[in-house]
N, C-alpha and C. Protein backbone atom coordinates (compact mmCIF):
# COMPACT_ATOMS: atom_id res chain seq x y z
N MET A 1 -61.44 24.31 -28.82
CA MET A 1 -60.28 24.62 -29.60
C MET A 1 -59.03 24.86 -28.63
N ARG A 2 -59.35 25.24 -27.41
CA ARG A 2 -58.14 25.40 -26.61
C ARG A 2 -57.77 24.07 -26.00
N SER A 3 -58.61 23.15 -25.79
CA SER A 3 -58.35 21.89 -25.12
C SER A 3 -57.34 21.10 -25.94
N PRO A 4 -57.34 20.96 -27.23
CA PRO A 4 -56.32 20.21 -27.91
C PRO A 4 -54.86 20.91 -27.73
N LEU A 5 -54.88 22.22 -27.71
CA LEU A 5 -53.65 22.93 -27.50
C LEU A 5 -53.00 22.75 -26.26
N ILE A 6 -53.84 22.64 -25.18
CA ILE A 6 -53.49 22.36 -23.85
C ILE A 6 -52.90 21.00 -23.79
N VAL A 7 -53.59 20.03 -24.34
CA VAL A 7 -53.15 18.71 -24.21
C VAL A 7 -51.76 18.58 -24.97
N ALA A 8 -51.72 19.12 -26.15
CA ALA A 8 -50.51 19.05 -26.89
C ALA A 8 -49.21 19.72 -26.08
N THR A 9 -49.49 20.77 -25.46
CA THR A 9 -48.54 21.46 -24.62
C THR A 9 -48.09 20.59 -23.46
N LEU A 10 -48.95 19.96 -22.75
CA LEU A 10 -48.73 19.19 -21.73
C LEU A 10 -47.91 17.88 -22.26
N GLY A 11 -48.27 17.45 -23.40
CA GLY A 11 -47.63 16.27 -23.93
C GLY A 11 -46.13 16.58 -24.29
N LEU A 12 -45.99 17.76 -24.85
CA LEU A 12 -44.49 18.15 -25.04
C LEU A 12 -43.64 18.38 -23.83
N LEU A 13 -44.27 18.97 -22.83
CA LEU A 13 -43.61 19.07 -21.46
C LEU A 13 -43.31 17.82 -20.91
N LEU A 14 -44.15 16.81 -21.10
CA LEU A 14 -43.99 15.40 -20.51
C LEU A 14 -42.76 14.79 -21.32
N LEU A 15 -42.66 14.94 -22.53
CA LEU A 15 -41.62 14.40 -23.43
C LEU A 15 -40.25 15.02 -23.02
N ALA A 16 -40.27 16.33 -22.84
CA ALA A 16 -39.09 17.08 -22.47
C ALA A 16 -38.57 16.51 -21.05
N ASP A 17 -39.48 16.31 -20.18
CA ASP A 17 -39.10 15.87 -18.78
C ASP A 17 -38.45 14.49 -18.87
N LEU A 18 -38.99 13.54 -19.74
CA LEU A 18 -38.53 12.25 -19.93
C LEU A 18 -37.00 12.28 -20.55
N ALA A 19 -36.87 13.22 -21.55
CA ALA A 19 -35.61 13.35 -22.17
C ALA A 19 -34.56 13.79 -21.04
N GLN A 20 -34.81 14.73 -20.22
CA GLN A 20 -33.94 15.15 -19.14
C GLN A 20 -33.66 14.20 -18.18
N ALA A 21 -34.67 13.37 -17.98
CA ALA A 21 -34.46 12.21 -16.91
C ALA A 21 -33.52 11.16 -17.47
N HIS A 22 -33.72 10.90 -18.75
CA HIS A 22 -32.79 9.93 -19.38
C HIS A 22 -31.33 10.46 -19.48
N THR A 23 -31.20 11.69 -19.65
CA THR A 23 -29.88 12.35 -19.60
C THR A 23 -29.16 12.25 -18.36
N LEU A 24 -29.93 12.54 -17.38
CA LEU A 24 -29.47 12.55 -15.97
C LEU A 24 -29.05 11.16 -15.56
N VAL A 25 -29.87 10.15 -15.90
CA VAL A 25 -29.47 8.74 -15.61
C VAL A 25 -28.21 8.37 -16.39
N ALA A 26 -27.97 8.74 -17.62
CA ALA A 26 -26.83 8.34 -18.41
C ALA A 26 -25.66 8.96 -17.74
N THR A 27 -25.76 10.31 -17.38
CA THR A 27 -24.60 11.01 -16.80
C THR A 27 -24.31 10.38 -15.38
N SER A 28 -25.32 10.04 -14.69
CA SER A 28 -25.04 9.45 -13.37
C SER A 28 -24.28 8.09 -13.52
N ASN A 29 -24.64 7.30 -14.47
CA ASN A 29 -24.03 6.05 -14.71
C ASN A 29 -22.66 6.25 -15.11
N MET A 30 -22.35 7.24 -16.04
CA MET A 30 -20.88 7.46 -16.27
C MET A 30 -20.07 7.86 -15.11
N ILE A 31 -20.65 8.66 -14.20
CA ILE A 31 -19.87 9.06 -12.96
C ILE A 31 -19.69 7.86 -12.10
N ILE A 32 -20.65 7.14 -11.93
CA ILE A 32 -20.57 5.89 -11.11
C ILE A 32 -19.49 4.92 -11.65
N ASN A 33 -19.60 4.69 -12.82
CA ASN A 33 -18.60 3.79 -13.50
C ASN A 33 -17.07 4.34 -13.40
N ALA A 34 -16.93 5.60 -13.55
CA ALA A 34 -15.62 6.13 -13.29
C ALA A 34 -15.27 6.05 -11.91
N THR A 35 -16.05 6.32 -10.97
CA THR A 35 -15.78 6.17 -9.57
C THR A 35 -15.40 4.75 -9.16
N GLN A 36 -16.07 3.75 -9.68
CA GLN A 36 -15.88 2.42 -9.36
C GLN A 36 -14.46 1.89 -9.89
N ARG A 37 -14.16 2.42 -11.14
CA ARG A 37 -12.86 2.01 -11.60
C ARG A 37 -11.72 2.72 -10.82
N THR A 38 -11.90 3.85 -10.28
CA THR A 38 -11.02 4.53 -9.48
C THR A 38 -10.81 3.84 -8.01
N LEU A 39 -11.99 3.57 -7.53
CA LEU A 39 -11.99 2.85 -6.31
C LEU A 39 -11.40 1.43 -6.31
N ASN A 40 -11.63 0.76 -7.42
CA ASN A 40 -11.08 -0.64 -7.54
C ASN A 40 -9.61 -0.57 -7.70
N PHE A 41 -9.18 0.49 -8.39
CA PHE A 41 -7.58 0.51 -8.40
C PHE A 41 -7.04 1.00 -7.11
N THR A 42 -7.77 1.90 -6.44
CA THR A 42 -7.29 2.53 -5.19
C THR A 42 -7.17 1.41 -4.12
N SER A 43 -8.17 0.53 -4.13
CA SER A 43 -8.17 -0.49 -3.08
C SER A 43 -7.13 -1.57 -3.28
N ASP A 44 -6.52 -1.65 -4.48
CA ASP A 44 -5.55 -2.52 -4.70
C ASP A 44 -4.16 -2.01 -4.49
N THR A 45 -3.98 -0.60 -4.28
CA THR A 45 -2.74 -0.06 -3.97
C THR A 45 -2.35 -0.35 -2.56
N THR A 46 -1.06 -0.50 -2.31
CA THR A 46 -0.67 -0.57 -0.99
C THR A 46 -0.52 0.64 -0.07
N THR A 47 -0.40 0.38 1.17
CA THR A 47 -0.36 1.45 2.15
C THR A 47 0.95 2.28 1.85
N SER A 48 1.97 1.63 1.42
CA SER A 48 3.31 2.33 1.12
C SER A 48 3.06 3.38 0.01
N ILE A 49 2.24 2.96 -1.16
CA ILE A 49 2.06 3.82 -2.13
C ILE A 49 1.20 5.16 -1.63
N ARG A 50 0.23 4.78 -0.82
CA ARG A 50 -0.61 5.91 -0.40
C ARG A 50 0.14 6.87 0.59
N ASP A 51 1.23 6.38 1.23
CA ASP A 51 2.14 7.20 2.00
C ASP A 51 3.22 7.72 1.26
N SER A 52 3.47 7.40 0.06
CA SER A 52 4.60 7.88 -0.72
C SER A 52 4.48 9.38 -0.89
N LYS A 53 5.70 10.05 -0.53
CA LYS A 53 5.68 11.51 -0.69
C LYS A 53 5.50 12.02 -2.06
N ILE A 54 6.08 11.19 -3.09
CA ILE A 54 5.90 11.52 -4.52
C ILE A 54 4.51 11.47 -4.94
N VAL A 55 3.87 10.43 -4.42
CA VAL A 55 2.38 10.33 -4.92
C VAL A 55 1.59 11.45 -4.25
N ARG A 56 1.86 11.84 -2.94
CA ARG A 56 1.00 12.80 -2.27
C ARG A 56 1.32 14.15 -2.90
N GLU A 57 2.52 14.47 -3.41
CA GLU A 57 2.80 15.70 -3.93
C GLU A 57 2.21 15.80 -5.19
N ALA A 58 1.85 14.89 -5.88
CA ALA A 58 1.22 14.81 -7.27
C ALA A 58 -0.34 15.27 -7.21
N HIS A 59 -0.90 15.22 -6.01
CA HIS A 59 -2.36 15.53 -5.88
C HIS A 59 -2.84 16.75 -6.85
N ASP A 60 -2.14 17.88 -6.62
CA ASP A 60 -2.64 19.07 -7.40
C ASP A 60 -2.45 18.83 -8.90
N ASP A 61 -1.31 18.29 -9.20
CA ASP A 61 -1.02 18.05 -10.74
C ASP A 61 -2.12 17.05 -11.37
N ALA A 62 -2.39 16.06 -10.43
CA ALA A 62 -3.49 15.11 -10.96
C ALA A 62 -4.75 15.73 -11.10
N ALA A 63 -5.12 16.61 -10.13
CA ALA A 63 -6.44 17.51 -10.32
C ALA A 63 -6.46 18.26 -11.53
N SER A 64 -5.34 18.90 -11.89
CA SER A 64 -5.20 19.66 -13.10
C SER A 64 -5.36 18.71 -14.34
N PHE A 65 -4.63 17.62 -14.28
CA PHE A 65 -4.64 16.64 -15.41
C PHE A 65 -6.11 16.21 -15.60
N VAL A 66 -6.74 15.75 -14.56
CA VAL A 66 -8.20 15.29 -14.80
C VAL A 66 -9.02 16.38 -15.26
N ALA A 67 -9.05 17.57 -14.64
CA ALA A 67 -9.84 18.76 -15.08
C ALA A 67 -9.54 19.09 -16.44
N SER A 68 -8.41 18.88 -16.93
CA SER A 68 -8.08 19.50 -18.34
C SER A 68 -8.26 18.29 -19.38
N ASP A 69 -8.67 17.18 -18.99
CA ASP A 69 -8.81 16.10 -19.78
C ASP A 69 -7.51 15.59 -20.39
N GLY A 70 -6.44 15.67 -19.63
CA GLY A 70 -5.21 15.14 -19.98
C GLY A 70 -4.26 16.21 -20.62
N GLU A 71 -4.75 17.41 -20.72
CA GLU A 71 -3.97 18.46 -21.36
C GLU A 71 -2.80 18.95 -20.60
N ILE A 72 -3.06 19.09 -19.26
CA ILE A 72 -1.99 19.64 -18.34
C ILE A 72 -1.34 18.50 -17.64
N ARG A 73 -0.04 18.39 -17.76
CA ARG A 73 0.64 17.37 -17.23
C ARG A 73 1.86 17.91 -16.45
N GLY A 74 1.77 17.99 -15.13
CA GLY A 74 2.75 18.60 -14.35
C GLY A 74 3.84 17.59 -14.03
N ALA A 75 5.07 18.09 -13.55
CA ALA A 75 6.22 17.28 -13.21
C ALA A 75 5.94 16.31 -11.97
N HIS A 76 5.19 16.82 -11.15
CA HIS A 76 4.83 15.90 -10.01
C HIS A 76 4.03 14.62 -10.38
N LEU A 77 3.07 14.95 -11.23
CA LEU A 77 2.24 13.97 -11.81
C LEU A 77 3.05 12.92 -12.55
N GLU A 78 3.92 13.38 -13.41
CA GLU A 78 4.80 12.41 -14.10
C GLU A 78 5.63 11.64 -13.23
N ALA A 79 6.23 12.21 -12.15
CA ALA A 79 7.11 11.34 -11.21
C ALA A 79 6.17 10.27 -10.60
N ALA A 80 4.94 10.66 -10.09
CA ALA A 80 4.06 9.76 -9.47
C ALA A 80 3.57 8.72 -10.34
N LEU A 81 3.25 8.91 -11.65
CA LEU A 81 2.86 7.92 -12.65
C LEU A 81 4.08 6.88 -12.74
N ASN A 82 5.30 7.33 -12.79
CA ASN A 82 6.37 6.51 -13.02
C ASN A 82 6.54 5.66 -11.69
N THR A 83 6.43 6.28 -10.52
CA THR A 83 6.57 5.49 -9.34
C THR A 83 5.44 4.48 -9.23
N LEU A 84 4.25 4.71 -9.48
CA LEU A 84 3.08 3.90 -9.52
C LEU A 84 3.34 2.65 -10.44
N ARG A 85 3.80 3.07 -11.58
CA ARG A 85 4.06 1.95 -12.66
C ARG A 85 5.20 1.03 -12.15
N THR A 86 6.06 1.52 -11.44
CA THR A 86 7.28 0.79 -11.11
C THR A 86 6.91 -0.14 -9.85
N ARG A 87 6.05 0.38 -8.88
CA ARG A 87 5.84 -0.36 -7.64
C ARG A 87 4.55 -1.20 -7.62
N VAL A 88 3.72 -0.86 -8.55
CA VAL A 88 2.36 -1.59 -8.55
C VAL A 88 2.11 -2.22 -9.83
N PRO A 89 2.16 -3.56 -9.78
CA PRO A 89 1.98 -4.29 -11.10
C PRO A 89 0.66 -3.92 -11.81
N GLU A 90 -0.55 -3.71 -11.14
CA GLU A 90 -1.60 -3.39 -11.81
C GLU A 90 -1.57 -1.98 -12.42
N ALA A 91 -0.80 -1.16 -12.04
CA ALA A 91 -0.62 0.22 -12.60
C ALA A 91 0.09 0.19 -13.98
N ARG A 92 0.77 -0.76 -14.37
CA ARG A 92 1.50 -0.80 -15.49
C ARG A 92 0.67 -0.78 -16.65
N ASP A 93 -0.56 -1.30 -16.74
CA ASP A 93 -1.38 -1.32 -17.85
C ASP A 93 -2.47 -0.28 -17.70
N ALA A 94 -2.50 0.54 -16.54
CA ALA A 94 -3.54 1.49 -16.38
C ALA A 94 -3.21 2.71 -17.19
N SER A 95 -4.37 3.41 -17.69
CA SER A 95 -4.07 4.65 -18.32
C SER A 95 -3.61 5.69 -17.47
N ASP A 96 -3.16 6.82 -17.93
CA ASP A 96 -2.75 7.98 -17.19
C ASP A 96 -3.92 8.54 -16.37
N GLN A 97 -5.18 8.61 -17.09
CA GLN A 97 -6.32 9.13 -16.57
C GLN A 97 -6.82 8.31 -15.31
N VAL A 98 -6.75 6.95 -15.49
CA VAL A 98 -7.18 6.20 -14.31
C VAL A 98 -6.15 6.38 -13.12
N LEU A 99 -4.94 6.47 -13.47
CA LEU A 99 -3.95 6.65 -12.27
C LEU A 99 -4.11 7.98 -11.72
N ALA A 100 -4.32 9.09 -12.46
CA ALA A 100 -4.52 10.35 -11.97
C ALA A 100 -5.80 10.44 -11.03
N GLU A 101 -6.94 9.70 -11.53
CA GLU A 101 -8.14 9.65 -10.70
C GLU A 101 -7.86 8.87 -9.22
N ALA A 102 -7.00 7.85 -9.43
CA ALA A 102 -6.67 7.17 -8.25
C ALA A 102 -5.76 7.94 -7.29
N ILE A 103 -4.88 8.79 -7.71
CA ILE A 103 -4.09 9.73 -6.95
C ILE A 103 -5.07 10.60 -6.22
N LEU A 104 -6.12 11.13 -6.94
CA LEU A 104 -6.94 12.09 -6.38
C LEU A 104 -7.84 11.36 -5.18
N ALA A 105 -8.03 10.10 -5.37
CA ALA A 105 -8.79 9.37 -4.48
C ALA A 105 -8.08 8.86 -3.20
N LEU A 106 -6.79 8.93 -3.20
CA LEU A 106 -5.94 8.60 -2.13
C LEU A 106 -6.22 9.67 -0.90
């Protein structure tokens, strides 16, 4: 009588572990894809943008923007977004989220 109960319990634990592993893989893939997008954009930016005072000053605002999922938009970030879109052709079509992540990666 106990044997089927033990087998059923072990089976449920195995299924739970598989579900958690699948969730971990999906989350990891999302993080890797976001990082690749950021790195691809960052590698295309010029050294002058990386050294731009306006872009460097936007780091904290970019962090707040990314952490708040776009809810917090600081003045430094707005200035940096405008600068990037003016100076870097690839940035003109990029979303604010991608640009903020690129600023954080600089």
